[in-house]
Amino acid sequence: MSTHAKRERLLLADLLETAGPDAPTLCEGWRTRDLAAHVVVRERRPDAAGGMLVKQLAPRLERVMAEFTAKPYEELIQLLRSGPPRFSPFNLKQVDELSNTVEFYVHTEDVRRAQPDWTPRELDPVFQNALWSRLERTARLMGRSVPTGLVLRRPDGQTVVAHRGTPVVTVTGDPSELVLFAYGRQDAARVDLAGDEEAVTKLRESKQLGI
């Protein structure tokens, strides 16, 4: 049975292939070639991927990223599409779902929403619930440094507190849109913000959402 992560992986690979290596993305400073190299390095080079989170490992990550960015673009797409190496933890379905569902969804939208003619995807309720479940577990990590209180709310009223503080801004939208907002794609997320006007502006402009 296909999983959410596998579906998003293949969709991302197809989008990157169609867009070509030099198309824009929502990731500041990255074209599609850079994004493709990032997702491949993340699951194929754990010795370097730690540099995404650990400052001391960043120079090694930069070197490995440069190495992969220099590969033929078609090779990067094939490495992404074919999945992680045989003995990688990402080969385990549970690890793949937990680690890659949101990762690939967000990067798929990074490609889609950077294009001028993009339109929203219609996501099924099961996938929306899967994204919400992951957001519930990671919201406080994503919002730990924002300058306001932050509550994320689904249209049905379910909420999760991403950051405690005042004044509070409540962001309402489908789980898929809230995920993008929480991962720092505020301008691209189709959400409604309610709260103190100054706080809303600070949150929209904050560079401190996400990892």
N, C-alpha and C. Protein backbone atom coordinates (compact mmCIF):
# COMPACT_ATOMS: atom_id res chain seq x y z
N MET A 1 0.84 -1.19 0.00
CA MET A 1 0.00 0.00 0.00
C MET A 1 0.88 1.25 0.00
N SER A 2 0.50 2.22 -0.82
CA SER A 2 1.25 3.46 -0.88
C SER A 2 1.09 4.23 0.42
N THR A 3 2.15 4.89 0.84
CA THR A 3 2.09 5.70 2.04
C THR A 3 2.08 7.18 1.65
N HIS A 4 1.75 8.03 2.63
CA HIS A 4 1.77 9.48 2.37
C HIS A 4 3.16 9.92 1.95
N ALA A 5 4.17 9.44 2.66
CA ALA A 5 5.54 9.86 2.36
C ALA A 5 5.94 9.43 0.96
N LYS A 6 5.61 8.19 0.59
CA LYS A 6 5.98 7.71 -0.74
C LYS A 6 5.29 8.53 -1.82
N ARG A 7 4.01 8.82 -1.61
CA ARG A 7 3.28 9.61 -2.61
C ARG A 7 3.89 10.99 -2.77
N GLU A 8 4.20 11.64 -1.64
CA GLU A 8 4.79 12.98 -1.72
C GLU A 8 6.19 12.94 -2.31
N ARG A 9 6.93 11.88 -2.04
CA ARG A 9 8.26 11.72 -2.63
C ARG A 9 8.17 11.72 -4.16
N LEU A 10 7.27 10.88 -4.68
CA LEU A 10 7.15 10.76 -6.13
C LEU A 10 6.62 12.03 -6.76
N LEU A 11 5.70 12.69 -6.07
CA LEU A 11 5.17 13.96 -6.58
C LEU A 11 6.27 15.02 -6.61
N LEU A 12 7.08 15.08 -5.55
CA LEU A 12 8.18 16.04 -5.51
C LEU A 12 9.17 15.76 -6.63
N ALA A 13 9.51 14.49 -6.83
CA ALA A 13 10.45 14.13 -7.90
C ALA A 13 9.90 14.54 -9.26
N ASP A 14 8.62 14.30 -9.49
CA ASP A 14 8.01 14.68 -10.77
C ASP A 14 8.03 16.19 -10.96
N LEU A 15 7.71 16.93 -9.92
CA LEU A 15 7.69 18.39 -10.01
C LEU A 15 9.09 18.95 -10.29
N LEU A 16 10.07 18.43 -9.59
CA LEU A 16 11.44 18.89 -9.80
C LEU A 16 11.90 18.57 -11.22
N GLU A 17 11.55 17.39 -11.69
CA GLU A 17 11.93 17.00 -13.05
C GLU A 17 11.29 17.93 -14.08
N THR A 18 10.01 18.21 -13.91
CA THR A 18 9.30 19.06 -14.86
C THR A 18 9.81 20.50 -14.81
N ALA A 19 10.10 20.99 -13.60
CA ALA A 19 10.52 22.38 -13.44
C ALA A 19 11.92 22.63 -14.00
N GLY A 20 12.77 21.60 -13.99
CA GLY A 20 14.15 21.80 -14.42
C GLY A 20 15.01 22.31 -13.28
N PRO A 21 16.31 22.38 -13.47
CA PRO A 21 17.24 22.65 -12.36
C PRO A 21 17.30 24.10 -11.88
N ASP A 22 16.77 25.03 -12.63
CA ASP A 22 16.97 26.44 -12.30
C ASP A 22 15.68 27.18 -11.97
N ALA A 23 14.62 26.47 -11.65
CA ALA A 23 13.35 27.10 -11.30
C ALA A 23 13.40 27.63 -9.87
N PRO A 24 12.62 28.67 -9.57
CA PRO A 24 12.61 29.21 -8.20
C PRO A 24 11.90 28.27 -7.23
N THR A 25 12.21 28.43 -5.95
CA THR A 25 11.50 27.73 -4.88
C THR A 25 11.20 28.74 -3.78
N LEU A 26 10.44 28.31 -2.79
CA LEU A 26 10.17 29.17 -1.64
C LEU A 26 11.32 29.20 -0.65
N CYS A 27 12.31 28.34 -0.82
CA CYS A 27 13.47 28.31 0.07
C CYS A 27 14.43 29.42 -0.35
N GLU A 28 14.62 30.37 0.52
CA GLU A 28 15.41 31.55 0.18
C GLU A 28 16.81 31.17 -0.30
N GLY A 29 17.16 31.66 -1.49
CA GLY A 29 18.48 31.41 -2.04
C GLY A 29 18.63 30.09 -2.78
N TRP A 30 17.59 29.28 -2.80
CA TRP A 30 17.66 27.96 -3.44
C TRP A 30 16.85 27.93 -4.73
N ARG A 31 17.46 27.35 -5.77
CA ARG A 31 16.73 26.97 -6.96
C ARG A 31 16.38 25.48 -6.83
N THR A 32 15.71 24.95 -7.81
CA THR A 32 15.28 23.56 -7.72
C THR A 32 16.46 22.59 -7.61
N ARG A 33 17.59 22.91 -8.22
CA ARG A 33 18.77 22.03 -8.09
C ARG A 33 19.21 21.95 -6.63
N ASP A 34 19.23 23.08 -5.95
CA ASP A 34 19.64 23.10 -4.54
C ASP A 34 18.68 22.29 -3.68
N LEU A 35 17.39 22.44 -3.95
CA LEU A 35 16.39 21.71 -3.17
C LEU A 35 16.51 20.22 -3.40
N ALA A 36 16.72 19.82 -4.65
CA ALA A 36 16.89 18.39 -4.95
C ALA A 36 18.11 17.84 -4.22
N ALA A 37 19.21 18.58 -4.22
CA ALA A 37 20.42 18.13 -3.52
C ALA A 37 20.15 18.01 -2.02
N HIS A 38 19.42 18.95 -1.47
CA HIS A 38 19.11 18.94 -0.03
C HIS A 38 18.37 17.67 0.39
N VAL A 39 17.31 17.32 -0.33
CA VAL A 39 16.51 16.17 0.09
C VAL A 39 17.29 14.87 -0.10
N VAL A 40 18.14 14.80 -1.10
CA VAL A 40 18.95 13.60 -1.32
C VAL A 40 20.02 13.47 -0.24
N VAL A 41 20.72 14.56 0.06
CA VAL A 41 21.75 14.54 1.11
C VAL A 41 21.14 14.17 2.45
N ARG A 42 19.97 14.68 2.72
CA ARG A 42 19.31 14.46 4.02
C ARG A 42 19.14 12.98 4.34
N GLU A 43 18.78 12.17 3.34
CA GLU A 43 18.55 10.76 3.65
C GLU A 43 19.66 9.83 3.17
N ARG A 44 20.59 10.34 2.39
CA ARG A 44 21.68 9.47 1.90
C ARG A 44 23.03 9.75 2.56
N ARG A 45 23.17 10.90 3.21
CA ARG A 45 24.45 11.23 3.83
C ARG A 45 24.23 11.69 5.27
N PRO A 46 23.88 10.76 6.16
CA PRO A 46 23.65 11.13 7.56
C PRO A 46 24.89 11.72 8.21
N ASP A 47 26.07 11.41 7.69
CA ASP A 47 27.30 11.96 8.25
C ASP A 47 27.38 13.46 8.04
N ALA A 48 26.66 13.96 7.04
CA ALA A 48 26.66 15.40 6.76
C ALA A 48 25.34 16.07 7.12
N ALA A 49 24.24 15.32 7.07
CA ALA A 49 22.92 15.90 7.29
C ALA A 49 22.78 16.51 8.68
N GLY A 50 23.57 16.04 9.64
CA GLY A 50 23.51 16.61 10.98
C GLY A 50 23.83 18.09 11.00
N GLY A 51 24.51 18.57 9.97
CA GLY A 51 24.83 19.99 9.88
C GLY A 51 23.62 20.87 9.71
N MET A 52 22.47 20.29 9.40
CA MET A 52 21.23 21.06 9.31
C MET A 52 20.77 21.52 10.69
N LEU A 53 21.22 20.81 11.72
CA LEU A 53 20.80 21.12 13.08
C LEU A 53 21.96 21.48 14.01
N VAL A 54 23.14 20.95 13.74
CA VAL A 54 24.30 21.16 14.62
C VAL A 54 25.29 22.09 13.93
N LYS A 55 25.51 23.25 14.53
CA LYS A 55 26.34 24.28 13.91
C LYS A 55 27.74 23.79 13.60
N GLN A 56 28.31 22.99 14.48
CA GLN A 56 29.69 22.52 14.29
C GLN A 56 29.83 21.63 13.06
N LEU A 57 28.73 21.01 12.62
CA LEU A 57 28.78 20.12 11.46
C LEU A 57 28.43 20.84 10.16
N ALA A 58 28.11 22.12 10.25
CA ALA A 58 27.68 22.86 9.06
C ALA A 58 28.72 22.90 7.95
N PRO A 59 30.03 23.08 8.25
CA PRO A 59 31.01 23.10 7.15
C PRO A 59 31.04 21.80 6.34
N ARG A 60 30.91 20.67 7.03
CA ARG A 60 30.88 19.38 6.31
C ARG A 60 29.63 19.31 5.44
N LEU A 61 28.49 19.76 5.97
CA LEU A 61 27.26 19.76 5.19
C LEU A 61 27.43 20.61 3.92
N GLU A 62 28.05 21.76 4.06
CA GLU A 62 28.25 22.63 2.91
C GLU A 62 29.09 21.94 1.83
N ARG A 63 30.12 21.23 2.26
CA ARG A 63 30.97 20.54 1.29
C ARG A 63 30.20 19.43 0.57
N VAL A 64 29.43 18.66 1.33
CA VAL A 64 28.68 17.56 0.73
C VAL A 64 27.56 18.11 -0.17
N MET A 65 26.91 19.18 0.26
CA MET A 65 25.88 19.81 -0.56
C MET A 65 26.46 20.27 -1.89
N ALA A 66 27.65 20.87 -1.84
CA ALA A 66 28.29 21.33 -3.08
C ALA A 66 28.58 20.15 -4.00
N GLU A 67 29.00 19.04 -3.40
CA GLU A 67 29.28 17.83 -4.18
C GLU A 67 28.03 17.32 -4.88
N PHE A 68 26.92 17.28 -4.16
CA PHE A 68 25.68 16.76 -4.75
C PHE A 68 25.05 17.76 -5.71
N THR A 69 25.17 19.03 -5.43
CA THR A 69 24.62 20.04 -6.33
C THR A 69 25.31 19.99 -7.69
N ALA A 70 26.56 19.57 -7.68
CA ALA A 70 27.34 19.50 -8.93
C ALA A 70 26.99 18.26 -9.76
N LYS A 71 26.25 17.30 -9.19
CA LYS A 71 25.88 16.11 -9.94
C LYS A 71 24.91 16.47 -11.06
N PRO A 72 24.83 15.65 -12.10
CA PRO A 72 23.81 15.87 -13.13
C PRO A 72 22.42 15.92 -12.48
N TYR A 73 21.62 16.86 -12.90
CA TYR A 73 20.30 17.05 -12.28
C TYR A 73 19.45 15.79 -12.39
N GLU A 74 19.52 15.12 -13.53
CA GLU A 74 18.73 13.91 -13.72
C GLU A 74 19.11 12.83 -12.70
N GLU A 75 20.39 12.80 -12.33
CA GLU A 75 20.84 11.83 -11.33
C GLU A 75 20.24 12.14 -9.96
N LEU A 76 20.20 13.41 -9.60
CA LEU A 76 19.58 13.81 -8.33
C LEU A 76 18.12 13.39 -8.28
N ILE A 77 17.40 13.62 -9.36
CA ILE A 77 15.98 13.26 -9.41
C ILE A 77 15.81 11.76 -9.25
N GLN A 78 16.66 10.99 -9.89
CA GLN A 78 16.57 9.53 -9.79
C GLN A 78 16.90 9.05 -8.39
N LEU A 79 17.88 9.67 -7.75
CA LEU A 79 18.23 9.31 -6.37
C LEU A 79 17.06 9.59 -5.43
N LEU A 80 16.37 10.71 -5.64
CA LEU A 80 15.21 11.03 -4.82
C LEU A 80 14.09 10.04 -5.09
N ARG A 81 13.82 9.79 -6.34
CA ARG A 81 12.68 8.93 -6.71
C ARG A 81 12.88 7.49 -6.24
N SER A 82 14.11 7.00 -6.31
CA SER A 82 14.37 5.61 -5.95
C SER A 82 14.41 5.37 -4.45
N GLY A 83 14.51 6.44 -3.67
CA GLY A 83 14.47 6.29 -2.23
C GLY A 83 15.83 6.11 -1.60
N PRO A 84 15.88 5.93 -0.28
CA PRO A 84 17.14 5.86 0.45
C PRO A 84 17.88 4.56 0.19
N PRO A 85 19.17 4.50 0.58
CA PRO A 85 19.94 3.26 0.43
C PRO A 85 19.29 2.11 1.19
N ARG A 86 19.65 0.91 0.83
CA ARG A 86 19.01 -0.30 1.35
C ARG A 86 19.02 -0.37 2.87
N PHE A 87 20.13 -0.02 3.50
CA PHE A 87 20.24 -0.18 4.94
C PHE A 87 19.95 1.10 5.72
N SER A 88 19.39 2.08 5.06
CA SER A 88 19.03 3.34 5.73
C SER A 88 17.80 3.15 6.60
N PRO A 89 17.76 3.80 7.77
CA PRO A 89 16.54 3.75 8.60
C PRO A 89 15.31 4.26 7.85
N PHE A 90 15.53 5.15 6.87
CA PHE A 90 14.40 5.69 6.10
C PHE A 90 13.70 4.61 5.27
N ASN A 91 14.34 3.44 5.12
CA ASN A 91 13.70 2.35 4.39
C ASN A 91 12.59 1.70 5.21
N LEU A 92 12.58 1.91 6.50
CA LEU A 92 11.51 1.38 7.34
C LEU A 92 10.27 2.24 7.16
N LYS A 93 9.15 1.61 6.88
CA LYS A 93 7.93 2.34 6.56
C LYS A 93 7.57 3.33 7.67
N GLN A 94 7.68 2.90 8.92
CA GLN A 94 7.29 3.78 10.03
C GLN A 94 8.19 5.01 10.11
N VAL A 95 9.49 4.80 9.91
CA VAL A 95 10.44 5.92 9.94
C VAL A 95 10.21 6.85 8.76
N ASP A 96 9.97 6.26 7.60
CA ASP A 96 9.71 7.04 6.40
C ASP A 96 8.48 7.93 6.60
N GLU A 97 7.41 7.35 7.11
CA GLU A 97 6.18 8.13 7.33
C GLU A 97 6.39 9.25 8.33
N LEU A 98 7.07 8.91 9.43
CA LEU A 98 7.26 9.88 10.49
C LEU A 98 8.19 11.02 10.06
N SER A 99 9.25 10.67 9.33
CA SER A 99 10.28 11.65 9.00
C SER A 99 10.07 12.39 7.69
N ASN A 100 9.36 11.76 6.77
CA ASN A 100 9.32 12.30 5.41
C ASN A 100 7.98 12.83 4.95
N THR A 101 6.90 12.50 5.61
CA THR A 101 5.59 12.96 5.15
C THR A 101 5.55 14.48 5.08
N VAL A 102 5.87 15.13 6.18
CA VAL A 102 5.86 16.59 6.20
C VAL A 102 7.01 17.16 5.38
N GLU A 103 8.19 16.55 5.48
CA GLU A 103 9.35 17.03 4.73
C GLU A 103 9.05 17.12 3.23
N PHE A 104 8.52 16.06 2.67
CA PHE A 104 8.26 16.05 1.24
C PHE A 104 7.05 16.90 0.88
N TYR A 105 6.04 16.93 1.76
CA TYR A 105 4.89 17.80 1.48
C TYR A 105 5.33 19.26 1.41
N VAL A 106 6.08 19.71 2.39
CA VAL A 106 6.51 21.11 2.43
C VAL A 106 7.37 21.44 1.21
N HIS A 107 8.30 20.56 0.87
CA HIS A 107 9.17 20.86 -0.26
C HIS A 107 8.43 20.76 -1.60
N THR A 108 7.42 19.91 -1.66
CA THR A 108 6.57 19.89 -2.86
C THR A 108 5.90 21.25 -3.04
N GLU A 109 5.39 21.79 -1.95
CA GLU A 109 4.76 23.11 -2.03
C GLU A 109 5.78 24.21 -2.25
N ASP A 110 7.02 24.01 -1.79
CA ASP A 110 8.08 24.98 -2.08
C ASP A 110 8.28 25.14 -3.58
N VAL A 111 8.13 24.05 -4.31
CA VAL A 111 8.27 24.11 -5.76
C VAL A 111 6.99 24.66 -6.39
N ARG A 112 5.85 24.11 -5.99
CA ARG A 112 4.57 24.50 -6.59
C ARG A 112 4.28 25.99 -6.40
N ARG A 113 4.40 26.45 -5.16
CA ARG A 113 3.93 27.79 -4.84
C ARG A 113 4.92 28.89 -5.21
N ALA A 114 6.08 28.50 -5.67
CA ALA A 114 7.01 29.50 -6.19
C ALA A 114 6.68 29.86 -7.64
N GLN A 115 5.77 29.11 -8.26
CA GLN A 115 5.39 29.38 -9.64
C GLN A 115 4.22 30.37 -9.66
N PRO A 116 4.19 31.28 -10.63
CA PRO A 116 3.17 32.33 -10.64
C PRO A 116 1.75 31.82 -10.86
N ASP A 117 1.60 30.65 -11.47
CA ASP A 117 0.26 30.17 -11.82
C ASP A 117 -0.20 29.01 -10.93
N TRP A 118 0.36 28.91 -9.72
CA TRP A 118 0.02 27.77 -8.87
C TRP A 118 -1.42 27.87 -8.37
N THR A 119 -2.01 26.73 -8.12
CA THR A 119 -3.34 26.64 -7.52
C THR A 119 -3.30 25.63 -6.38
N PRO A 120 -4.16 25.78 -5.37
CA PRO A 120 -4.14 24.86 -4.23
C PRO A 120 -4.46 23.43 -4.65
N ARG A 121 -3.80 22.49 -3.99
CA ARG A 121 -4.13 21.08 -4.18
C ARG A 121 -5.34 20.73 -3.33
N GLU A 122 -6.12 19.79 -3.83
CA GLU A 122 -7.22 19.25 -3.03
C GLU A 122 -6.70 18.01 -2.32
N LEU A 123 -6.53 18.12 -1.01
CA LEU A 123 -5.98 17.02 -0.23
C LEU A 123 -7.11 16.28 0.48
N ASP A 124 -7.02 14.97 0.50
CA ASP A 124 -8.08 14.18 1.12
C ASP A 124 -8.02 14.30 2.64
N PRO A 125 -9.15 14.08 3.32
CA PRO A 125 -9.21 14.23 4.78
C PRO A 125 -8.22 13.36 5.53
N VAL A 126 -7.93 12.17 5.03
CA VAL A 126 -6.98 11.28 5.71
C VAL A 126 -5.60 11.92 5.75
N PHE A 127 -5.19 12.51 4.64
CA PHE A 127 -3.88 13.16 4.60
C PHE A 127 -3.87 14.42 5.46
N GLN A 128 -4.97 15.17 5.43
CA GLN A 128 -5.05 16.36 6.29
C GLN A 128 -4.92 15.96 7.76
N ASN A 129 -5.56 14.88 8.14
CA ASN A 129 -5.46 14.42 9.53
C ASN A 129 -4.05 13.95 9.87
N ALA A 130 -3.39 13.33 8.90
CA ALA A 130 -2.00 12.89 9.13
C ALA A 130 -1.10 14.11 9.34
N LEU A 131 -1.30 15.14 8.56
CA LEU A 131 -0.50 16.36 8.72
C LEU A 131 -0.80 17.02 10.07
N TRP A 132 -2.06 17.03 10.47
CA TRP A 132 -2.42 17.62 11.76
C TRP A 132 -1.77 16.85 12.91
N SER A 133 -1.78 15.53 12.82
CA SER A 133 -1.18 14.71 13.86
C SER A 133 0.30 15.04 14.03
N ARG A 134 0.99 15.22 12.94
CA ARG A 134 2.41 15.56 13.01
C ARG A 134 2.61 16.99 13.53
N LEU A 135 1.72 17.88 13.13
CA LEU A 135 1.82 19.27 13.59
C LEU A 135 1.60 19.36 15.10
N GLU A 136 0.69 18.55 15.62
CA GLU A 136 0.47 18.55 17.06
C GLU A 136 1.75 18.20 17.82
N ARG A 137 2.55 17.31 17.25
CA ARG A 137 3.77 16.87 17.93
C ARG A 137 4.94 17.84 17.76
N THR A 138 4.91 18.64 16.71
CA THR A 138 6.07 19.48 16.42
C THR A 138 5.81 20.97 16.55
N ALA A 139 4.58 21.37 16.85
CA ALA A 139 4.22 22.79 16.84
C ALA A 139 5.08 23.61 17.79
N ARG A 140 5.33 23.08 18.99
CA ARG A 140 6.12 23.86 19.96
C ARG A 140 7.57 24.01 19.51
N LEU A 141 8.09 23.02 18.82
CA LEU A 141 9.44 23.15 18.27
C LEU A 141 9.46 24.21 17.18
N MET A 142 8.46 24.20 16.30
CA MET A 142 8.42 25.16 15.21
C MET A 142 8.24 26.59 15.71
N GLY A 143 7.47 26.75 16.78
CA GLY A 143 7.13 28.09 17.24
C GLY A 143 7.90 28.55 18.46
N ARG A 144 8.95 27.84 18.82
CA ARG A 144 9.62 28.10 20.10
C ARG A 144 10.22 29.50 20.19
N SER A 145 10.56 30.12 19.07
CA SER A 145 11.28 31.40 19.12
C SER A 145 10.48 32.58 18.57
N VAL A 146 9.21 32.38 18.27
CA VAL A 146 8.44 33.48 17.67
C VAL A 146 8.18 34.57 18.71
N PRO A 147 7.98 35.82 18.25
CA PRO A 147 7.88 36.95 19.17
C PRO A 147 6.50 37.15 19.77
N THR A 148 5.54 36.26 19.52
CA THR A 148 4.19 36.39 20.06
C THR A 148 3.71 35.04 20.56
N GLY A 149 2.61 35.06 21.30
CA GLY A 149 1.92 33.80 21.55
C GLY A 149 1.35 33.30 20.23
N LEU A 150 1.28 31.98 20.07
CA LEU A 150 0.82 31.44 18.79
C LEU A 150 -0.05 30.21 19.02
N VAL A 151 -1.27 30.28 18.51
CA VAL A 151 -2.20 29.16 18.54
C VAL A 151 -2.57 28.81 17.10
N LEU A 152 -2.48 27.53 16.77
CA LEU A 152 -2.86 27.03 15.45
C LEU A 152 -4.22 26.36 15.56
N ARG A 153 -5.14 26.72 14.69
CA ARG A 153 -6.51 26.23 14.81
C ARG A 153 -7.02 25.69 13.46
N ARG A 154 -7.60 24.50 13.52
CA ARG A 154 -8.29 23.94 12.36
C ARG A 154 -9.67 24.57 12.22
N PRO A 155 -10.26 24.53 11.03
CA PRO A 155 -11.62 25.07 10.86
C PRO A 155 -12.65 24.42 11.77
N ASP A 156 -12.42 23.15 12.19
CA ASP A 156 -13.38 22.48 13.07
C ASP A 156 -13.19 22.85 14.53
N GLY A 157 -12.22 23.73 14.82
CA GLY A 157 -12.03 24.21 16.19
C GLY A 157 -10.91 23.54 16.95
N GLN A 158 -10.34 22.44 16.46
CA GLN A 158 -9.20 21.82 17.14
C GLN A 158 -8.02 22.79 17.13
N THR A 159 -7.33 22.86 18.26
CA THR A 159 -6.22 23.81 18.36
C THR A 159 -4.98 23.13 18.94
N VAL A 160 -3.84 23.76 18.68
CA VAL A 160 -2.60 23.38 19.32
C VAL A 160 -1.84 24.67 19.61
N VAL A 161 -1.25 24.74 20.80
CA VAL A 161 -0.47 25.91 21.20
C VAL A 161 0.96 25.72 20.74
N ALA A 162 1.42 26.59 19.84
CA ALA A 162 2.79 26.50 19.33
C ALA A 162 3.75 27.33 20.16
N HIS A 163 3.23 28.37 20.82
CA HIS A 163 4.09 29.20 21.67
C HIS A 163 3.23 29.92 22.69
N ARG A 164 3.61 29.80 23.96
CA ARG A 164 2.89 30.49 25.02
C ARG A 164 3.45 31.89 25.19
N GLY A 165 2.57 32.87 25.30
CA GLY A 165 3.00 34.25 25.47
C GLY A 165 1.87 35.19 25.13
N THR A 166 2.12 36.46 25.30
CA THR A 166 1.14 37.48 24.97
C THR A 166 1.83 38.60 24.20
N PRO A 167 1.10 39.26 23.32
CA PRO A 167 -0.27 38.95 22.89
C PRO A 167 -0.31 37.69 22.05
N VAL A 168 -1.49 37.09 21.98
CA VAL A 168 -1.66 35.82 21.27
C VAL A 168 -2.20 36.07 19.87
N VAL A 169 -1.62 35.40 18.91
CA VAL A 169 -2.14 35.40 17.55
C VAL A 169 -2.67 34.00 17.26
N THR A 170 -3.91 33.92 16.77
CA THR A 170 -4.50 32.65 16.38
C THR A 170 -4.50 32.54 14.86
N VAL A 171 -3.91 31.46 14.39
CA VAL A 171 -3.81 31.23 12.94
C VAL A 171 -4.75 30.08 12.60
N THR A 172 -5.70 30.33 11.70
CA THR A 172 -6.72 29.33 11.35
C THR A 172 -6.58 28.92 9.90
N GLY A 173 -6.64 27.62 9.67
CA GLY A 173 -6.58 27.10 8.31
C GLY A 173 -6.58 25.60 8.32
N ASP A 174 -6.63 25.01 7.15
CA ASP A 174 -6.52 23.56 7.04
C ASP A 174 -5.15 23.11 7.55
N PRO A 175 -5.04 21.89 8.05
CA PRO A 175 -3.74 21.42 8.55
C PRO A 175 -2.61 21.60 7.54
N SER A 176 -2.87 21.35 6.27
CA SER A 176 -1.83 21.50 5.25
C SER A 176 -1.30 22.92 5.18
N GLU A 177 -2.19 23.90 5.35
CA GLU A 177 -1.78 25.30 5.32
C GLU A 177 -1.09 25.70 6.62
N LEU A 178 -1.56 25.17 7.72
CA LEU A 178 -0.94 25.46 9.02
C LEU A 178 0.48 24.89 9.07
N VAL A 179 0.68 23.72 8.47
CA VAL A 179 2.03 23.15 8.42
C VAL A 179 2.97 24.10 7.69
N LEU A 180 2.54 24.61 6.55
CA LEU A 180 3.38 25.54 5.79
C LEU A 180 3.67 26.80 6.61
N PHE A 181 2.66 27.31 7.29
CA PHE A 181 2.86 28.49 8.12
C PHE A 181 3.88 28.20 9.22
N ALA A 182 3.70 27.08 9.90
CA ALA A 182 4.58 26.74 11.02
C ALA A 182 6.01 26.47 10.57
N TYR A 183 6.19 26.07 9.32
CA TYR A 183 7.52 25.82 8.78
C TYR A 183 8.12 27.05 8.11
N GLY A 184 7.55 28.22 8.39
CA GLY A 184 8.15 29.46 7.94
C GLY A 184 7.74 29.94 6.57
N ARG A 185 6.69 29.33 6.01
CA ARG A 185 6.20 29.78 4.70
C ARG A 185 4.96 30.65 4.88
N GLN A 186 5.05 31.66 5.74
CA GLN A 186 3.88 32.46 6.09
C GLN A 186 3.22 33.10 4.88
N ASP A 187 4.03 33.64 3.98
CA ASP A 187 3.46 34.37 2.84
C ASP A 187 2.74 33.45 1.87
N ALA A 188 3.11 32.18 1.84
CA ALA A 188 2.51 31.26 0.89
C ALA A 188 1.33 30.49 1.47
N ALA A 189 1.18 30.49 2.78
CA ALA A 189 0.13 29.70 3.43
C ALA A 189 -1.21 30.45 3.38
N ARG A 190 -2.25 29.73 3.03
CA ARG A 190 -3.58 30.32 2.96
C ARG A 190 -4.27 30.13 4.32
N VAL A 191 -4.06 31.08 5.17
CA VAL A 191 -4.56 31.04 6.55
C VAL A 191 -5.12 32.41 6.92
N ASP A 192 -5.89 32.43 8.01
CA ASP A 192 -6.39 33.68 8.58
C ASP A 192 -5.72 33.91 9.92
N LEU A 193 -5.26 35.13 10.16
CA LEU A 193 -4.62 35.48 11.42
C LEU A 193 -5.50 36.44 12.19
N ALA A 194 -5.68 36.16 13.48
CA ALA A 194 -6.50 37.01 14.34
C ALA A 194 -5.72 37.36 15.60
N GLY A 195 -5.77 38.62 15.98
CA GLY A 195 -5.08 39.07 17.19
C GLY A 195 -4.69 40.52 17.09
N ASP A 196 -3.90 40.97 18.02
CA ASP A 196 -3.39 42.33 18.02
C ASP A 196 -2.70 42.62 16.68
N GLU A 197 -3.03 43.77 16.09
CA GLU A 197 -2.53 44.08 14.74
C GLU A 197 -1.00 44.08 14.68
N GLU A 198 -0.35 44.66 15.67
CA GLU A 198 1.11 44.71 15.68
C GLU A 198 1.69 43.30 15.82
N ALA A 199 1.07 42.48 16.66
CA ALA A 199 1.54 41.12 16.85
C ALA A 199 1.38 40.30 15.58
N VAL A 200 0.26 40.49 14.89
CA VAL A 200 0.02 39.78 13.63
C VAL A 200 1.10 40.13 12.61
N THR A 201 1.44 41.42 12.53
CA THR A 201 2.49 41.85 11.60
C THR A 201 3.83 41.22 11.97
N LYS A 202 4.17 41.22 13.25
CA LYS A 202 5.43 40.62 13.70
C LYS A 202 5.50 39.16 13.33
N LEU A 203 4.39 38.45 13.52
CA LEU A 203 4.38 37.01 13.24
C LEU A 203 4.49 36.75 11.75
N ARG A 204 3.81 37.52 10.94
CA ARG A 204 3.88 37.34 9.48
C ARG A 204 5.31 37.56 8.98
N GLU A 205 6.03 38.49 9.61
CA GLU A 205 7.36 38.85 9.13
C GLU A 205 8.47 38.08 9.84
N SER A 206 8.12 37.28 10.84
CA SER A 206 9.12 36.60 11.65
C SER A 206 9.91 35.59 10.82
N LYS A 207 11.22 35.58 11.02
CA LYS A 207 12.09 34.58 10.41
C LYS A 207 12.37 33.45 11.38
N GLN A 208 11.65 33.43 12.51
CA GLN A 208 11.97 32.48 13.58
C GLN A 208 11.02 31.29 13.64
N LEU A 209 10.10 31.19 12.68
CA LEU A 209 9.26 30.00 12.60
C LEU A 209 10.03 28.88 11.91
N GLY A 210 9.77 27.66 12.32
CA GLY A 210 10.43 26.52 11.72
C GLY A 210 11.65 26.08 12.50
N ILE A 211 12.37 25.13 11.93
CA ILE A 211 13.53 24.56 12.61
C ILE A 211 14.72 25.50 12.48
